[in-house]
Amino acid sequence: MAKANSSFSEVQIARRIKEGRGQGHGKDYIPWLTVQEVPSAGRSHRIYSHKTGRVHHLLSDLELAVFLSLEWESSVLDIREQFPLLPSDTRQIAIDSGIKHPAIRGVDQVMSTDFLVDC
């Protein structure tokens, strides 16, 4: 069952980093978010990749369609889904863009991108 709370405390963020979430390549990569952890009224998918040798966690039908295209593209070497954009990197982007960094109860939140692809 998915958790209803989608924000993370500093302790939870540190724990995920220590667990290796969002780190590694190929079969050793662990996504920042898994389908079990994200509340959704839509459909999610767990699908095995022969290219990476592991199960991928996809949060929508659109992510599945993109994943299948990437899986069959010969120039793609690695597919990492739910890749974290850590506040240590995104704070400066927010400052340079003149926007406020996303925070919940004073904790800068980790954003994620659907895919990081190596070609």
C-alpha atoms as a PDB file:
ATOM      1  CA  MET A   1       0.000   0.000   0.000  1.00  0.00           C
ATOM      2  CA  ALA A   2       1.339   3.417  -0.922  1.00  0.00           C
ATOM      3  CA  LYS A   3       2.029   6.006   1.712  1.00  0.00           C
ATOM      4  CA  ALA A   4      -0.254   9.044   1.725  1.00  0.00           C
ATOM      5  CA  ASN A   5       2.570  11.465   2.600  1.00  0.00           C
ATOM      6  CA  SER A   6       4.833  12.404  -0.306  1.00  0.00           C
ATOM      7  CA  SER A   7       7.192  14.732   1.587  1.00  0.00           C
ATOM      8  CA  PHE A   8      10.395  13.634   3.284  1.00  0.00           C
ATOM      9  CA  SER A   9      12.090  14.827   6.463  1.00  0.00           C
ATOM     10  CA  GLU A  10      15.841  15.465   6.533  1.00  0.00           C
ATOM     11  CA  VAL A  11      16.259  12.123   8.342  1.00  0.00           C
ATOM     12  CA  GLN A  12      14.263  10.267   5.665  1.00  0.00           C
ATOM     13  CA  ILE A  13      16.267  11.921   2.879  1.00  0.00           C
ATOM     14  CA  ALA A  14      19.555  10.983   4.578  1.00  0.00           C
ATOM     15  CA  ARG A  15      18.318   7.399   5.059  1.00  0.00           C
ATOM     16  CA  ARG A  16      17.409   7.061   1.371  1.00  0.00           C
ATOM     17  CA  ILE A  17      20.829   8.347   0.339  1.00  0.00           C
ATOM     18  CA  LYS A  18      22.490   5.903   2.762  1.00  0.00           C
ATOM     19  CA  GLU A  19      20.363   3.069   1.256  1.00  0.00           C
ATOM     20  CA  GLY A  20      21.836   3.929  -2.144  1.00  0.00           C
ATOM     21  CA  ARG A  21      18.625   5.332  -3.623  1.00  0.00           C
ATOM     22  CA  GLY A  22      19.260   7.197  -6.872  1.00  0.00           C
ATOM     23  CA  GLN A  23      22.788   5.826  -7.058  1.00  0.00           C
ATOM     24  CA  GLY A  24      24.480   3.204  -9.195  1.00  0.00           C
ATOM     25  CA  HIS A  25      24.176   2.131 -12.807  1.00  0.00           C
ATOM     26  CA  GLY A  26      22.565  -0.750 -14.669  1.00  0.00           C
ATOM     27  CA  LYS A  27      21.449  -3.627 -12.452  1.00  0.00           C
ATOM     28  CA  ASP A  28      22.875  -1.870  -9.365  1.00  0.00           C
ATOM     29  CA  TYR A  29      20.691   1.264  -9.659  1.00  0.00           C
ATOM     30  CA  ILE A  30      18.014   1.791  -7.001  1.00  0.00           C
ATOM     31  CA  PRO A  31      15.279   4.334  -7.897  1.00  0.00           C
ATOM     32  CA  TRP A  32      14.569   7.204  -5.498  1.00  0.00           C
ATOM     33  CA  LEU A  33      10.867   6.272  -5.503  1.00  0.00           C
ATOM     34  CA  THR A  34       9.209   2.902  -6.058  1.00  0.00           C
ATOM     35  CA  VAL A  35       5.654   2.162  -7.160  1.00  0.00           C
ATOM     36  CA  GLN A  36       4.785   0.988  -3.630  1.00  0.00           C
ATOM     37  CA  GLU A  37       5.778   4.346  -2.116  1.00  0.00           C
ATOM     38  CA  VAL A  38       3.859   6.762  -4.333  1.00  0.00           C
ATOM     39  CA  PRO A  39       0.139   7.336  -3.818  1.00  0.00           C
ATOM     40  CA  SER A  40      -1.656   7.325  -7.138  1.00  0.00           C
ATOM     41  CA  ALA A  41      -5.152   7.086  -8.536  1.00  0.00           C
ATOM     42  CA  GLY A  42      -3.564   6.134 -11.870  1.00  0.00           C
ATOM     43  CA  ARG A  43      -1.686   3.080 -13.022  1.00  0.00           C
ATOM     44  CA  SER A  44       1.901   2.203 -12.192  1.00  0.00           C
ATOM     45  CA  HIS A  45       4.139  -0.503 -13.621  1.00  0.00           C
ATOM     46  CA  ARG A  46       7.054  -2.683 -12.589  1.00  0.00           C
ATOM     47  CA  ILE A  47       8.761  -4.081 -15.655  1.00  0.00           C
ATOM     48  CA  TYR A  48      11.954  -6.081 -16.190  1.00  0.00           C
ATOM     49  CA  SER A  49      14.583  -4.662 -18.539  1.00  0.00           C
ATOM     50  CA  HIS A  50      16.921  -6.919 -20.477  1.00  0.00           C
ATOM     51  CA  LYS A  51      19.079  -3.857 -21.141  1.00  0.00           C
ATOM     52  CA  THR A  52      19.710  -3.076 -17.450  1.00  0.00           C
ATOM     53  CA  GLY A  53      19.030  -6.483 -15.900  1.00  0.00           C
ATOM     54  CA  ARG A  54      16.623  -5.215 -13.261  1.00  0.00           C
ATOM     55  CA  VAL A  55      12.994  -4.283 -12.590  1.00  0.00           C
ATOM     56  CA  HIS A  56      12.073  -0.656 -13.319  1.00  0.00           C
ATOM     57  CA  HIS A  57       9.479   1.300 -11.303  1.00  0.00           C
ATOM     58  CA  LEU A  58       7.269   3.378 -13.606  1.00  0.00           C
ATOM     59  CA  LEU A  59       4.584   5.662 -12.196  1.00  0.00           C
ATOM     60  CA  SER A  60       2.325   6.090 -15.244  1.00  0.00           C
ATOM     61  CA  ASP A  61       1.333   4.680 -18.617  1.00  0.00           C
ATOM     62  CA  LEU A  62       3.260   7.522 -20.286  1.00  0.00           C
ATOM     63  CA  GLU A  63       6.438   6.537 -18.411  1.00  0.00           C
ATOM     64  CA  LEU A  64       5.873   2.953 -19.589  1.00  0.00           C
ATOM     65  CA  ALA A  65       5.594   4.095 -23.223  1.00  0.00           C
ATOM     66  CA  VAL A  66       8.816   6.111 -22.960  1.00  0.00           C
ATOM     67  CA  PHE A  67      10.577   3.227 -21.192  1.00  0.00           C
ATOM     68  CA  LEU A  68       9.609   0.749 -23.927  1.00  0.00           C
ATOM     69  CA  SER A  69      10.959   3.123 -26.583  1.00  0.00           C
ATOM     70  CA  LEU A  70      14.228   3.474 -24.668  1.00  0.00           C
ATOM     71  CA  GLU A  71      14.479  -0.283 -24.070  1.00  0.00           C
ATOM     72  CA  TRP A  72      14.406  -0.966 -27.820  1.00  0.00           C
ATOM     73  CA  GLU A  73      16.664   1.930 -28.848  1.00  0.00           C
ATOM     74  CA  SER A  74      20.089   0.453 -29.662  1.00  0.00           C
ATOM     75  CA  SER A  75      22.029   3.611 -28.711  1.00  0.00           C
ATOM     76  CA  VAL A  76      20.672   3.559 -25.128  1.00  0.00           C
ATOM     77  CA  LEU A  77      23.137   2.011 -22.666  1.00  0.00           C
ATOM     78  CA  ASP A  78      21.405   2.620 -19.320  1.00  0.00           C
ATOM     79  CA  ILE A  79      17.970   3.731 -18.113  1.00  0.00           C
ATOM     80  CA  ARG A  80      17.574   5.152 -14.612  1.00  0.00           C
ATOM     81  CA  GLU A  81      14.024   6.025 -13.541  1.00  0.00           C
ATOM     82  CA  GLN A  82      12.806   8.225 -10.664  1.00  0.00           C
ATOM     83  CA  PHE A  83      16.264   9.819 -10.553  1.00  0.00           C
ATOM     84  CA  PRO A  84      16.664  12.239  -7.628  1.00  0.00           C
ATOM     85  CA  LEU A  85      17.578  15.882  -8.037  1.00  0.00           C
ATOM     86  CA  LEU A  86      19.127  16.580  -4.644  1.00  0.00           C
ATOM     87  CA  PRO A  87      18.663  19.971  -2.941  1.00  0.00           C
ATOM     88  CA  SER A  88      22.444  20.415  -2.801  1.00  0.00           C
ATOM     89  CA  ASP A  89      22.266  20.746  -6.612  1.00  0.00           C
ATOM     90  CA  THR A  90      18.830  22.294  -7.132  1.00  0.00           C
ATOM     91  CA  ARG A  91      19.096  25.109  -4.550  1.00  0.00           C
ATOM     92  CA  GLN A  92      21.530  27.026  -6.744  1.00  0.00           C
ATOM     93  CA  ILE A  93      19.338  26.494  -9.811  1.00  0.00           C
ATOM     94  CA  ALA A  94      16.400  27.981  -7.890  1.00  0.00           C
ATOM     95  CA  ILE A  95      18.502  30.958  -6.754  1.00  0.00           C
ATOM     96  CA  ASP A  96      19.816  31.587 -10.287  1.00  0.00           C
ATOM     97  CA  SER A  97      16.252  31.348 -11.653  1.00  0.00           C
ATOM     98  CA  GLY A  98      14.843  33.684  -9.011  1.00  0.00           C
ATOM     99  CA  ILE A  99      12.363  31.117  -7.715  1.00  0.00           C
ATOM    100  CA  LYS A 100      11.793  29.580  -4.312  1.00  0.00           C
ATOM    101  CA  HIS A 101      13.092  26.039  -3.843  1.00  0.00           C
ATOM    102  CA  PRO A 102      10.291  23.560  -3.007  1.00  0.00           C
ATOM    103  CA  ALA A 103      10.153  22.998   0.745  1.00  0.00           C
ATOM    104  CA  ILE A 104       7.661  21.406   3.110  1.00  0.00           C
ATOM    105  CA  ARG A 105       7.738  22.460   6.764  1.00  0.00           C
ATOM    106  CA  GLY A 106      11.119  24.097   6.179  1.00  0.00           C
ATOM    107  CA  VAL A 107      12.755  21.015   4.621  1.00  0.00           C
ATOM    108  CA  ASP A 108      13.998  21.420   1.039  1.00  0.00           C
ATOM    109  CA  GLN A 109      12.426  18.580  -0.911  1.00  0.00           C
ATOM    110  CA  VAL A 110      14.143  16.190  -3.292  1.00  0.00           C
ATOM    111  CA  MET A 111      12.645  16.488  -6.745  1.00  0.00           C
ATOM    112  CA  SER A 112      13.041  13.710  -9.284  1.00  0.00           C
ATOM    113  CA  THR A 113      13.109  13.338 -13.032  1.00  0.00           C
ATOM    114  CA  ASP A 114      11.279  10.457 -14.682  1.00  0.00           C
ATOM    115  CA  PHE A 115      14.353   9.224 -16.580  1.00  0.00           C
ATOM    116  CA  LEU A 116      18.093   9.702 -16.780  1.00  0.00           C
ATOM    117  CA  VAL A 117      19.347   7.984 -19.933  1.00  0.00           C
ATOM    118  CA  ASP A 118      22.924   7.121 -20.916  1.00  0.00           C
ATOM    119  CA  CYS A 119      23.625   6.722 -24.644  1.00  0.00           C
END
